[in-house]
Amino acid sequence: MSLYHLNYLDQLEAESIYILREVAGQFERPALLFSGGKDSIVLAHLAAKAFPYGKIPFKFVHVDTGHNFPEVLSFRDQLAAELDVDLVVRKVEDTINKKKLTEPKGKFPSRNWLQTFTLLDTIEEFEFDACIGGARRDEEKARAKERIFSVRDEFGQWDPKLQRPELSNIFNGKIHKGENVRVFPISNWTELDVWNYIRRENIALPSIYFSHEREVVDLNGQWIANSEHAALEEDDIVTIKRIRYRTVGDMTCTAAVESEASTVDRVIEEIVATRISERGETRIDDRVTEAAMEDRKKGGYF
């Protein structure tokens, strides 16, 4: 059947599976960056579909900041065991100690920008030549500058002005020794596409993606989880709100949205009604500067 006769979710799935198989065919030591968030879970599901008759040919890699949601870490370990994949976990805490990096300060200190050091060290440790990520072009404008095969130099850096053309789904994975390719198989998906696919495929997710009660603190109009990683001040008011998370990151920099959406269908209804991107609404660290994400990517962030 022609690709054009498939519905749009089938087309997106087929393209992503094709890209994953291209990675397996073109690279010797690829890895899948797996956080336990919804996009990386969808990637894991697609990888299982792409290679149904044997073990998924990628190691799963998680750079653990130490500030992650416990529910997500538990789900990460459970899914990796179910898929029988090799899960590599490297901790930012170890990188901080090894490289004597400066620990972030403040009320909600995020280690997100320190992830880059740990990721680059992990790539060097295992000699990964390709890292598969769950980034989408609708997340943030810097993401939209990426190609599906995005080449990084021997220092792990990205130059948005040096992007290879990608015509007719022809992907060029040829690199020099020391270089690395970041691959984004769901680059053409939107947040709504991801959730519609999750509904269609009946994909399980961590509980934080659905409405639940949690202790939160107001930070300039955004609800941040009260946790052991927060350094609250005397005038901070901890309250219990019914919330959910649109995206997963550090507990210290990921804002929740007030929500009663306890099912996938209800979540989809909320996404259809919103006009703010998930990162624009919920990621505090993306608001440091207008080019915060692009600056991190240039330095080696995925």
C-alpha atoms as a PDB file:
ATOM      1  CA  MET A   1       0.000   0.000   0.000  1.00  0.00           C
ATOM      2  CA  SER A   2       1.291   3.481  -0.853  1.00  0.00           C
ATOM      3  CA  LEU A   3       2.373   5.696   2.020  1.00  0.00           C
ATOM      4  CA  TYR A   4      -0.140   8.259   0.808  1.00  0.00           C
ATOM      5  CA  HIS A   5      -3.007   5.849   1.409  1.00  0.00           C
ATOM      6  CA  LEU A   6      -2.151   5.513   5.105  1.00  0.00           C
ATOM      7  CA  ASN A   7      -3.706   7.771   7.711  1.00  0.00           C
ATOM      8  CA  TYR A   8      -1.498  10.450   9.215  1.00  0.00           C
ATOM      9  CA  LEU A   9      -0.489   8.430  12.309  1.00  0.00           C
ATOM     10  CA  ASP A  10       0.453   5.489  10.100  1.00  0.00           C
ATOM     11  CA  GLN A  11       2.542   7.836   7.960  1.00  0.00           C
ATOM     12  CA  LEU A  12       4.346   9.276  10.969  1.00  0.00           C
ATOM     13  CA  GLU A  13       4.939   5.803  12.379  1.00  0.00           C
ATOM     14  CA  ALA A  14       6.248   4.489   9.056  1.00  0.00           C
ATOM     15  CA  GLU A  15       8.659   7.422   8.680  1.00  0.00           C
ATOM     16  CA  SER A  16       9.977   7.003  12.240  1.00  0.00           C
ATOM     17  CA  ILE A  17      10.484   3.267  11.834  1.00  0.00           C
ATOM     18  CA  TYR A  18      12.320   3.904   8.558  1.00  0.00           C
ATOM     19  CA  ILE A  19      14.626   6.386  10.322  1.00  0.00           C
ATOM     20  CA  LEU A  20      15.335   3.960  13.177  1.00  0.00           C
ATOM     21  CA  ARG A  21      16.231   1.236  10.695  1.00  0.00           C
ATOM     22  CA  GLU A  22      18.483   3.694   8.836  1.00  0.00           C
ATOM     23  CA  VAL A  23      20.301   4.355  12.116  1.00  0.00           C
ATOM     24  CA  ALA A  24      20.808   0.640  12.697  1.00  0.00           C
ATOM     25  CA  GLY A  25      22.090   0.239   9.145  1.00  0.00           C
ATOM     26  CA  GLN A  26      24.394   3.255   8.977  1.00  0.00           C
ATOM     27  CA  PHE A  27      25.985   3.370  12.426  1.00  0.00           C
ATOM     28  CA  GLU A  28      28.079   0.940  14.432  1.00  0.00           C
ATOM     29  CA  ARG A  29      27.324   2.044  18.000  1.00  0.00           C
ATOM     30  CA  PRO A  30      24.010   3.909  18.190  1.00  0.00           C
ATOM     31  CA  ALA A  31      22.204   4.730  21.430  1.00  0.00           C
ATOM     32  CA  LEU A  32      18.674   5.827  22.274  1.00  0.00           C
ATOM     33  CA  LEU A  33      18.452   8.681  24.774  1.00  0.00           C
ATOM     34  CA  PHE A  34      15.766   7.522  27.169  1.00  0.00           C
ATOM     35  CA  SER A  35      14.469   9.744  29.975  1.00  0.00           C
ATOM     36  CA  GLY A  36      11.249   7.905  30.807  1.00  0.00           C
ATOM     37  CA  GLY A  37       9.261  10.822  29.400  1.00  0.00           C
ATOM     38  CA  LYS A  38       6.420  10.393  26.916  1.00  0.00           C
ATOM     39  CA  ASP A  39       8.459  11.171  23.794  1.00  0.00           C
ATOM     40  CA  SER A  40      11.241   8.722  24.645  1.00  0.00           C
ATOM     41  CA  ILE A  41       8.618   6.128  25.592  1.00  0.00           C
ATOM     42  CA  VAL A  42       7.037   6.535  22.155  1.00  0.00           C
ATOM     43  CA  LEU A  43      10.521   6.152  20.640  1.00  0.00           C
ATOM     44  CA  ALA A  44      11.010   2.932  22.595  1.00  0.00           C
ATOM     45  CA  HIS A  45       7.650   1.674  21.326  1.00  0.00           C
ATOM     46  CA  LEU A  46       8.621   2.539  17.750  1.00  0.00           C
ATOM     47  CA  ALA A  47      11.988   0.805  18.169  1.00  0.00           C
ATOM     48  CA  ALA A  48      10.235  -2.358  19.318  1.00  0.00           C
ATOM     49  CA  LYS A  49       8.057  -2.173  16.188  1.00  0.00           C
ATOM     50  CA  ALA A  50      11.045  -1.484  13.957  1.00  0.00           C
ATOM     51  CA  PHE A  51      12.891  -4.579  15.173  1.00  0.00           C
ATOM     52  CA  PRO A  52      10.178  -7.098  16.085  1.00  0.00           C
ATOM     53  CA  TYR A  53      12.196 -10.290  15.602  1.00  0.00           C
ATOM     54  CA  GLY A  54      15.155  -9.657  17.852  1.00  0.00           C
ATOM     55  CA  LYS A  55      16.617  -7.424  20.508  1.00  0.00           C
ATOM     56  CA  ILE A  56      16.454  -3.673  19.907  1.00  0.00           C
ATOM     57  CA  PRO A  57      19.948  -2.857  18.543  1.00  0.00           C
ATOM     58  CA  PHE A  58      20.468   0.260  20.658  1.00  0.00           C
ATOM     59  CA  LYS A  59      21.582   0.795  24.207  1.00  0.00           C
ATOM     60  CA  PHE A  60      19.168   2.993  26.127  1.00  0.00           C
ATOM     61  CA  VAL A  61      20.979   5.895  27.815  1.00  0.00           C
ATOM     62  CA  HIS A  62      19.667   8.114  30.589  1.00  0.00           C
ATOM     63  CA  VAL A  63      21.573  11.106  31.949  1.00  0.00           C
ATOM     64  CA  ASP A  64      20.207  11.316  35.495  1.00  0.00           C
ATOM     65  CA  THR A  65      20.389  14.809  37.000  1.00  0.00           C
ATOM     66  CA  GLY A  66      19.487  13.548  40.464  1.00  0.00           C
ATOM     67  CA  HIS A  67      16.468  15.874  40.431  1.00  0.00           C
ATOM     68  CA  ASN A  68      14.154  13.593  38.479  1.00  0.00           C
ATOM     69  CA  PHE A  69      10.626  12.609  39.420  1.00  0.00           C
ATOM     70  CA  PRO A  70      10.716   9.250  41.283  1.00  0.00           C
ATOM     71  CA  GLU A  71       7.666   8.049  39.336  1.00  0.00           C
ATOM     72  CA  VAL A  72       9.535   8.552  36.071  1.00  0.00           C
ATOM     73  CA  LEU A  73      12.680   6.728  37.213  1.00  0.00           C
ATOM     74  CA  SER A  74      10.606   3.774  38.375  1.00  0.00           C
ATOM     75  CA  PHE A  75       8.786   3.655  35.034  1.00  0.00           C
ATOM     76  CA  ARG A  76      12.104   3.942  33.161  1.00  0.00           C
ATOM     77  CA  ASP A  77      13.527   0.877  34.885  1.00  0.00           C
ATOM     78  CA  GLN A  78      10.306  -1.122  34.447  1.00  0.00           C
ATOM     79  CA  LEU A  79      10.041  -0.432  30.711  1.00  0.00           C
ATOM     80  CA  ALA A  80      13.721  -1.152  30.073  1.00  0.00           C
ATOM     81  CA  ALA A  81      13.275  -4.526  31.781  1.00  0.00           C
ATOM     82  CA  GLU A  82      10.125  -5.303  29.768  1.00  0.00           C
ATOM     83  CA  LEU A  83      11.886  -4.482  26.489  1.00  0.00           C
ATOM     84  CA  ASP A  84      15.030  -6.361  27.541  1.00  0.00           C
ATOM     85  CA  VAL A  85      17.307  -3.500  26.541  1.00  0.00           C
ATOM     86  CA  ASP A  86      20.673  -2.519  27.967  1.00  0.00           C
ATOM     87  CA  LEU A  87      20.017   0.566  30.105  1.00  0.00           C
ATOM     88  CA  VAL A  88      23.012   2.828  30.744  1.00  0.00           C
ATOM     89  CA  VAL A  89      22.511   5.388  33.511  1.00  0.00           C
ATOM     90  CA  ARG A  90      25.100   8.079  34.114  1.00  0.00           C
ATOM     91  CA  LYS A  91      24.671  10.635  36.882  1.00  0.00           C
ATOM     92  CA  VAL A  92      25.289  14.371  36.732  1.00  0.00           C
ATOM     93  CA  GLU A  93      26.267  14.211  40.398  1.00  0.00           C
ATOM     94  CA  ASP A  94      29.292  12.092  39.464  1.00  0.00           C
ATOM     95  CA  THR A  95      30.275  14.562  36.751  1.00  0.00           C
ATOM     96  CA  ILE A  96      30.012  17.472  39.185  1.00  0.00           C
ATOM     97  CA  ASN A  97      32.366  15.722  41.587  1.00  0.00           C
ATOM     98  CA  LYS A  98      34.767  14.495  38.910  1.00  0.00           C
ATOM     99  CA  LYS A  99      35.072  17.784  37.028  1.00  0.00           C
ATOM    100  CA  LYS A 100      34.565  19.983  40.102  1.00  0.00           C
ATOM    101  CA  LEU A 101      31.686  21.790  38.420  1.00  0.00           C
ATOM    102  CA  THR A 102      29.770  24.530  40.188  1.00  0.00           C
ATOM    103  CA  GLU A 103      26.493  23.287  41.635  1.00  0.00           C
ATOM    104  CA  PRO A 104      23.592  25.545  40.602  1.00  0.00           C
ATOM    105  CA  LYS A 105      22.229  27.839  43.315  1.00  0.00           C
ATOM    106  CA  GLY A 106      18.840  29.338  44.038  1.00  0.00           C
ATOM    107  CA  LYS A 107      15.435  28.372  45.271  1.00  0.00           C
ATOM    108  CA  PHE A 108      14.912  25.786  42.524  1.00  0.00           C
ATOM    109  CA  PRO A 109      18.422  24.869  41.324  1.00  0.00           C
ATOM    110  CA  SER A 110      18.277  23.047  37.988  1.00  0.00           C
ATOM    111  CA  ARG A 111      21.090  20.796  36.816  1.00  0.00           C
ATOM    112  CA  ASN A 112      19.757  20.678  33.270  1.00  0.00           C
ATOM    113  CA  TRP A 113      22.609  22.679  31.751  1.00  0.00           C
ATOM    114  CA  LEU A 114      25.104  20.334  33.441  1.00  0.00           C
ATOM    115  CA  GLN A 115      23.620  17.347  31.599  1.00  0.00           C
ATOM    116  CA  THR A 116      25.720  18.273  28.569  1.00  0.00           C
ATOM    117  CA  PHE A 117      28.987  17.376  30.328  1.00  0.00           C
ATOM    118  CA  THR A 118      27.656  13.992  31.416  1.00  0.00           C
ATOM    119  CA  LEU A 119      26.187  13.229  27.999  1.00  0.00           C
ATOM    120  CA  LEU A 120      29.414  14.053  26.157  1.00  0.00           C
ATOM    121  CA  ASP A 121      31.417  11.954  28.629  1.00  0.00           C
ATOM    122  CA  THR A 122      29.004   9.048  28.101  1.00  0.00           C
ATOM    123  CA  ILE A 123      29.271   9.323  24.320  1.00  0.00           C
ATOM    124  CA  GLU A 124      33.055   9.205  24.638  1.00  0.00           C
ATOM    125  CA  GLU A 125      32.960   6.319  27.142  1.00  0.00           C
ATOM    126  CA  PHE A 126      30.917   4.052  24.882  1.00  0.00           C
ATOM    127  CA  GLU A 127      32.092   5.567  21.576  1.00  0.00           C
ATOM    128  CA  PHE A 128      28.532   6.142  20.441  1.00  0.00           C
ATOM    129  CA  ASP A 129      28.430   7.409  16.866  1.00  0.00           C
ATOM    130  CA  ALA A 130      24.715   8.228  16.892  1.00  0.00           C
ATOM    131  CA  CYS A 131      22.321   9.259  19.660  1.00  0.00           C
ATOM    132  CA  ILE A 132      18.587   9.007  19.030  1.00  0.00           C
ATOM    133  CA  GLY A 133      16.466  11.643  20.750  1.00  0.00           C
ATOM    134  CA  GLY A 134      12.770  12.387  21.083  1.00  0.00           C
ATOM    135  CA  ALA A 135      12.906  16.082  20.169  1.00  0.00           C
ATOM    136  CA  ARG A 136      10.059  17.507  18.085  1.00  0.00           C
ATOM    137  CA  ARG A 137      10.044  20.649  15.966  1.00  0.00           C
ATOM    138  CA  ASP A 138       7.011  22.118  17.717  1.00  0.00           C
ATOM    139  CA  GLU A 139       8.684  22.078  21.144  1.00  0.00           C
ATOM    140  CA  GLU A 140      10.903  25.135  20.795  1.00  0.00           C
ATOM    141  CA  LYS A 141      12.204  27.218  17.881  1.00  0.00           C
ATOM    142  CA  ALA A 142      15.790  25.958  18.204  1.00  0.00           C
ATOM    143  CA  ARG A 143      14.481  22.419  17.669  1.00  0.00           C
ATOM    144  CA  ALA A 144      12.997  23.514  14.341  1.00  0.00           C
ATOM    145  CA  LYS A 145      16.492  24.318  13.034  1.00  0.00           C
ATOM    146  CA  GLU A 146      17.602  20.704  13.331  1.00  0.00           C
ATOM    147  CA  ARG A 147      17.727  18.149  10.566  1.00  0.00           C
ATOM    148  CA  ILE A 148      16.607  14.593  11.330  1.00  0.00           C
ATOM    149  CA  PHE A 149      20.273  13.559  11.119  1.00  0.00           C
ATOM    150  CA  SER A 150      22.056  16.379  12.953  1.00  0.00           C
ATOM    151  CA  VAL A 151      25.859  16.215  12.878  1.00  0.00           C
ATOM    152  CA  ARG A 152      27.912  17.279  15.920  1.00  0.00           C
ATOM    153  CA  ASP A 153      31.636  17.962  15.693  1.00  0.00           C
ATOM    154  CA  GLU A 154      34.407  16.191  17.606  1.00  0.00           C
ATOM    155  CA  PHE A 155      33.686  18.445  20.595  1.00  0.00           C
ATOM    156  CA  GLY A 156      29.986  17.547  20.576  1.00  0.00           C
ATOM    157  CA  GLN A 157      29.000  21.000  19.362  1.00  0.00           C
ATOM    158  CA  TRP A 158      26.219  21.870  16.935  1.00  0.00           C
ATOM    159  CA  ASP A 159      26.362  24.585  14.290  1.00  0.00           C
ATOM    160  CA  PRO A 160      22.861  25.429  13.007  1.00  0.00           C
ATOM    161  CA  LYS A 161      24.430  26.997   9.901  1.00  0.00           C
ATOM    162  CA  LEU A 162      26.129  23.754   8.898  1.00  0.00           C
ATOM    163  CA  GLN A 163      23.169  21.460   8.286  1.00  0.00           C
ATOM    164  CA  ARG A 164      23.085  18.779   5.619  1.00  0.00           C
ATOM    165  CA  PRO A 165      20.246  18.763   3.080  1.00  0.00           C
ATOM    166  CA  GLU A 166      17.689  15.978   3.505  1.00  0.00           C
ATOM    167  CA  LEU A 167      15.770  15.326   0.310  1.00  0.00           C
ATOM    168  CA  SER A 168      13.350  12.471  -0.379  1.00  0.00           C
ATOM    169  CA  ASN A 169      14.117  10.819   2.965  1.00  0.00           C
ATOM    170  CA  ILE A 170      17.766  10.307   2.062  1.00  0.00           C
ATOM    171  CA  PHE A 171      19.784  10.593   5.275  1.00  0.00           C
ATOM    172  CA  ASN A 172      23.542  11.043   5.228  1.00  0.00           C
ATOM    173  CA  GLY A 173      25.135   9.492   8.289  1.00  0.00           C
ATOM    174  CA  LYS A 174      28.716   9.699   7.083  1.00  0.00           C
ATOM    175  CA  ILE A 175      30.930  11.255   9.752  1.00  0.00           C
ATOM    176  CA  HIS A 176      34.587  11.638  10.587  1.00  0.00           C
ATOM    177  CA  LYS A 177      36.166   9.927  13.581  1.00  0.00           C
ATOM    178  CA  GLY A 178      35.119  11.657  16.804  1.00  0.00           C
ATOM    179  CA  GLU A 179      32.008  13.219  15.303  1.00  0.00           C
ATOM    180  CA  ASN A 180      28.525  12.226  16.376  1.00  0.00           C
ATOM    181  CA  VAL A 181      25.063  12.341  14.848  1.00  0.00           C
ATOM    182  CA  ARG A 182      21.947  13.177  16.827  1.00  0.00           C
ATOM    183  CA  VAL A 183      18.915  11.580  15.233  1.00  0.00           C
ATOM    184  CA  PHE A 184      15.326  12.747  15.745  1.00  0.00           C
ATOM    185  CA  PRO A 185      12.861  10.147  14.382  1.00  0.00           C
ATOM    186  CA  ILE A 186       9.765  11.994  15.649  1.00  0.00           C
ATOM    187  CA  SER A 187      10.939  15.381  14.433  1.00  0.00           C
ATOM    188  CA  ASN A 188       7.827  15.737  12.253  1.00  0.00           C
ATOM    189  CA  TRP A 189       5.428  14.866  15.090  1.00  0.00           C
ATOM    190  CA  THR A 190       3.584  17.364  17.276  1.00  0.00           C
ATOM    191  CA  GLU A 191       2.615  17.038  20.922  1.00  0.00           C
ATOM    192  CA  LEU A 192      -0.934  16.243  19.790  1.00  0.00           C
ATOM    193  CA  ASP A 193       0.363  13.576  17.379  1.00  0.00           C
ATOM    194  CA  VAL A 194       2.272  11.936  20.220  1.00  0.00           C
ATOM    195  CA  TRP A 195      -0.801  11.795  22.438  1.00  0.00           C
ATOM    196  CA  ASN A 196      -3.047  10.527  19.635  1.00  0.00           C
ATOM    197  CA  TYR A 197      -0.477   7.796  18.960  1.00  0.00           C
ATOM    198  CA  ILE A 198      -0.307   6.946  22.659  1.00  0.00           C
ATOM    199  CA  ARG A 199      -4.101   6.561  22.637  1.00  0.00           C
ATOM    200  CA  ARG A 200      -4.129   4.448  19.491  1.00  0.00           C
ATOM    201  CA  GLU A 201      -1.297   2.157  20.628  1.00  0.00           C
ATOM    202  CA  ASN A 202      -2.479   2.047  24.250  1.00  0.00           C
ATOM    203  CA  ILE A 203       1.003   3.011  25.485  1.00  0.00           C
ATOM    204  CA  ALA A 204       1.479   3.199  29.246  1.00  0.00           C
ATOM    205  CA  LEU A 205       2.977   6.376  30.764  1.00  0.00           C
ATOM    206  CA  PRO A 206       4.235   7.522  34.173  1.00  0.00           C
ATOM    207  CA  SER A 207       1.418   8.707  36.418  1.00  0.00           C
ATOM    208  CA  ILE A 208       2.650  12.327  36.517  1.00  0.00           C
ATOM    209  CA  TYR A 209       1.255  12.891  33.011  1.00  0.00           C
ATOM    210  CA  PHE A 210      -2.246  12.632  34.428  1.00  0.00           C
ATOM    211  CA  SER A 211      -4.155  14.664  37.002  1.00  0.00           C
ATOM    212  CA  HIS A 212      -3.012  14.084  40.579  1.00  0.00           C
ATOM    213  CA  GLU A 213      -2.559  16.019  43.813  1.00  0.00           C
ATOM    214  CA  ARG A 214       0.908  17.311  44.655  1.00  0.00           C
ATOM    215  CA  GLU A 215       2.550  19.852  46.940  1.00  0.00           C
ATOM    216  CA  VAL A 216       3.611  22.818  44.828  1.00  0.00           C
ATOM    217  CA  VAL A 217       5.028  26.310  45.233  1.00  0.00           C
ATOM    218  CA  ASP A 218       4.134  29.365  43.165  1.00  0.00           C
ATOM    219  CA  LEU A 219       7.116  30.671  41.180  1.00  0.00           C
ATOM    220  CA  ASN A 220       6.097  33.735  39.187  1.00  0.00           C
ATOM    221  CA  GLY A 221       2.727  32.223  38.379  1.00  0.00           C
ATOM    222  CA  GLN A 222       3.987  28.708  37.692  1.00  0.00           C
ATOM    223  CA  TRP A 223       3.552  25.678  39.936  1.00  0.00           C
ATOM    224  CA  ILE A 224       6.838  23.967  40.857  1.00  0.00           C
ATOM    225  CA  ALA A 225       6.897  20.749  42.877  1.00  0.00           C
ATOM    226  CA  ASN A 226       7.912  20.998  46.507  1.00  0.00           C
ATOM    227  CA  SER A 227      10.782  18.540  46.876  1.00  0.00           C
ATOM    228  CA  GLU A 228      13.974  17.851  48.773  1.00  0.00           C
ATOM    229  CA  HIS A 229      15.852  19.704  46.033  1.00  0.00           C
ATOM    230  CA  ALA A 230      14.079  23.028  46.648  1.00  0.00           C
ATOM    231  CA  ALA A 231      15.555  25.672  48.963  1.00  0.00           C
ATOM    232  CA  LEU A 232      12.363  27.398  50.029  1.00  0.00           C
ATOM    233  CA  GLU A 233      12.275  30.735  51.822  1.00  0.00           C
ATOM    234  CA  GLU A 234      10.196  31.626  54.865  1.00  0.00           C
ATOM    235  CA  ASP A 235       7.528  33.458  52.880  1.00  0.00           C
ATOM    236  CA  ASP A 236       7.060  30.653  50.353  1.00  0.00           C
ATOM    237  CA  ILE A 237       3.654  29.027  50.625  1.00  0.00           C
ATOM    238  CA  VAL A 238       3.378  25.308  49.947  1.00  0.00           C
ATOM    239  CA  THR A 239      -0.050  24.349  48.699  1.00  0.00           C
ATOM    240  CA  ILE A 240      -1.698  21.222  47.335  1.00  0.00           C
ATOM    241  CA  LYS A 241      -2.975  21.504  43.789  1.00  0.00           C
ATOM    242  CA  ARG A 242      -4.512  19.075  41.361  1.00  0.00           C
ATOM    243  CA  ILE A 243      -2.029  19.145  38.499  1.00  0.00           C
ATOM    244  CA  ARG A 244      -0.375  17.184  35.731  1.00  0.00           C
ATOM    245  CA  TYR A 245       2.851  17.562  33.743  1.00  0.00           C
ATOM    246  CA  ARG A 246       3.046  18.129  30.009  1.00  0.00           C
ATOM    247  CA  THR A 247       6.753  17.381  29.851  1.00  0.00           C
ATOM    248  CA  VAL A 248       9.331  15.702  32.089  1.00  0.00           C
ATOM    249  CA  GLY A 249      12.552  17.298  33.302  1.00  0.00           C
ATOM    250  CA  ASP A 250      14.107  18.264  36.615  1.00  0.00           C
ATOM    251  CA  MET A 251      11.607  18.676  39.432  1.00  0.00           C
ATOM    252  CA  THR A 252      13.260  22.045  40.005  1.00  0.00           C
ATOM    253  CA  CYS A 253      12.610  23.516  36.555  1.00  0.00           C
ATOM    254  CA  THR A 254       9.499  21.777  35.261  1.00  0.00           C
ATOM    255  CA  ALA A 255       6.223  23.532  35.978  1.00  0.00           C
ATOM    256  CA  ALA A 256       2.927  21.711  36.323  1.00  0.00           C
ATOM    257  CA  VAL A 257      -0.392  22.781  34.858  1.00  0.00           C
ATOM    258  CA  GLU A 258      -3.598  22.705  36.863  1.00  0.00           C
ATOM    259  CA  SER A 259      -5.690  19.934  35.370  1.00  0.00           C
ATOM    260  CA  GLU A 260      -8.507  17.461  35.928  1.00  0.00           C
ATOM    261  CA  ALA A 261      -7.392  15.338  32.960  1.00  0.00           C
ATOM    262  CA  SER A 262      -7.047  11.840  34.378  1.00  0.00           C
ATOM    263  CA  THR A 263      -7.324   9.967  31.054  1.00  0.00           C
ATOM    264  CA  VAL A 264      -5.613  10.169  27.679  1.00  0.00           C
ATOM    265  CA  ASP A 265      -8.814  11.467  26.078  1.00  0.00           C
ATOM    266  CA  ARG A 266      -9.058  14.311  28.592  1.00  0.00           C
ATOM    267  CA  VAL A 267      -5.397  15.208  28.100  1.00  0.00           C
ATOM    268  CA  ILE A 268      -5.938  15.377  24.329  1.00  0.00           C
ATOM    269  CA  GLU A 269      -8.910  17.709  24.867  1.00  0.00           C
ATOM    270  CA  GLU A 270      -6.704  20.056  26.890  1.00  0.00           C
ATOM    271  CA  ILE A 271      -3.927  20.029  24.290  1.00  0.00           C
ATOM    272  CA  VAL A 272      -6.394  20.854  21.503  1.00  0.00           C
ATOM    273  CA  ALA A 273      -7.631  23.831  23.519  1.00  0.00           C
ATOM    274  CA  THR A 274      -4.220  25.292  24.442  1.00  0.00           C
ATOM    275  CA  ARG A 275      -2.216  27.751  22.350  1.00  0.00           C
ATOM    276  CA  ILE A 276       1.044  27.489  24.323  1.00  0.00           C
ATOM    277  CA  SER A 277       3.734  24.914  23.558  1.00  0.00           C
ATOM    278  CA  GLU A 278       4.581  22.451  26.301  1.00  0.00           C
ATOM    279  CA  ARG A 279       8.084  23.838  26.841  1.00  0.00           C
ATOM    280  CA  GLY A 280       6.825  27.406  26.602  1.00  0.00           C
ATOM    281  CA  GLU A 281       4.350  26.753  29.392  1.00  0.00           C
ATOM    282  CA  THR A 282       6.303  24.440  31.657  1.00  0.00           C
ATOM    283  CA  ARG A 283      10.114  24.634  31.283  1.00  0.00           C
ATOM    284  CA  ILE A 284      11.584  27.329  33.499  1.00  0.00           C
ATOM    285  CA  ASP A 285      15.144  26.947  32.206  1.00  0.00           C
ATOM    286  CA  ASP A 286      14.054  27.801  28.648  1.00  0.00           C
ATOM    287  CA  ARG A 287      13.102  31.275  29.851  1.00  0.00           C
ATOM    288  CA  VAL A 288      16.573  32.300  31.017  1.00  0.00           C
ATOM    289  CA  THR A 289      17.211  33.924  27.631  1.00  0.00           C
ATOM    290  CA  GLU A 290      15.358  33.866  24.336  1.00  0.00           C
ATOM    291  CA  ALA A 291      18.077  31.601  22.923  1.00  0.00           C
ATOM    292  CA  ALA A 292      18.539  29.398  26.006  1.00  0.00           C
ATOM    293  CA  MET A 293      17.827  26.119  24.233  1.00  0.00           C
ATOM    294  CA  GLU A 294      19.913  26.988  21.185  1.00  0.00           C
ATOM    295  CA  ASP A 295      22.871  27.955  23.365  1.00  0.00           C
ATOM    296  CA  ARG A 296      22.707  24.620  25.197  1.00  0.00           C
ATOM    297  CA  LYS A 297      22.440  22.696  21.921  1.00  0.00           C
ATOM    298  CA  LYS A 298      25.476  24.481  20.501  1.00  0.00           C
ATOM    299  CA  GLY A 299      27.389  23.291  23.556  1.00  0.00           C
ATOM    300  CA  GLY A 300      26.410  19.649  23.073  1.00  0.00           C
ATOM    301  CA  TYR A 301      22.952  19.328  24.661  1.00  0.00           C
ATOM    302  CA  PHE A 302      20.780  16.819  22.861  1.00  0.00           C
END
